[in-house]
Amino acid sequence: MQRLRGVDLNLLIIFQLLYQLRNTGQVADRLGITQPAVSNALARLRKQLNDELFERTPGGFSPTPFSERIFDVVNSGLSTLETGLSNNETFDHSTSSRTFRIAMSELDEIQILPPLLRYLHQYAPNLSIQSVGDTDLKLKTRLEEGDVDIAIGFFPQLQAGFYQRGLYEEPYLCVMRDRHPMMNGEFSIRRLASYQHLIVDAPESGHSHVESVLRDAGVFKTDSLHIPSFMTAPFLVKESDLIATLPARFASLSARRLGLSVLKHPVSIEPSWGRIFWHKRFHKDLGICWLRDVIVEAFKSSSVDKYEPKDFEAVCFLDNKPGTLIKNTYKNA
């Protein structure tokens, strides 16, 4: 190691080419330098390695026994360095068996994983997806270290050092059981305020503003039931007169599956949104680049139910048969 510390890497490159070409003029042409520069470099390397390295012969330069002995090591080492330092990473999704780890909520699992898995089944059958949830307090560190590849959803804490890409933005809808009393008569904030509301408490999910917006609009009956997850909300409203305010995509899917009714919300609520986050260390990781694009396209072209009711007009889902299909308003943020 002590001897290696004094060797200039550029001199080893000249040694490699001179061994292969046996001519200082050709080496100079290959490197774009002068022939005297090649001769000076050879003189320096001879001094550093304490060997002549090459002898002049009628046929050109011939390597000494020491050069013969070290060439394979030098050649292999330089090739390894060139490969390691190059940016020619390849990723073939059709043959890769890589496992991608994604941080996302249960709500996003329902909305994103089905179209993603359909795509992977057809075009990347050997790839695997591992969802790691979205509640890990060390998520920022895990993304920085590469233990998690991307995060999807609402993560305002991922700022410095992170890239983000818009995935979806969607309104909120009112969800209630079929033949709910609210379905008879005008659908107004005044009537909405007369019924009890189910509230999903998800303080760091991007949905925590819903209750305060409802109360600001005069809808005060929000104390009847609070739950920590969206997953049980459709089942609870199906068996009660509670009204839930849910993101449109999940609301429509739940309504179709459970025979619920959805109404366009009379209260103006800032839309729910989700983005893809990744750390700058992996910005050029070809596998992660590919995954981000696939998620966006799979989500955008997904056949997951996309229904939005008309203003104050109920769309009922009975016996798993959807009501009137309204123009889709989902968009990539």
Foldseek 3Di string as FASTA:
>chain_A
DVLVVPDDLVLLVLLLVCQVPLALCVSCVVVVHDSVVSVVSLVVVCVSVVHNQWDQDPVHTDGDPVVVVCNVVSVVVVVVVVVVPDPPDDDQQQPDLEEAEEEEAPVVCVQQVVLLVVVCVPRRVNYHYHYDYHPDPCVQVCLVVVVHFKYKAQDPVPDPQKDKWFQKWFAKKKKAAPPQPCQPDFNALVVQLVAAAEAADAPRGQCNCVVVLNVVSPNPRDPPYYHPDPPCVLVVRNPHNHMYIGTQLVRQLSQLVRFIKIAHDNGDDGIGTMMMMHGPVCPPVVVSVVVRVSSRVSSVPPPRDAAHDDHRHMWTHPPSRGGDGDDGDMDGD
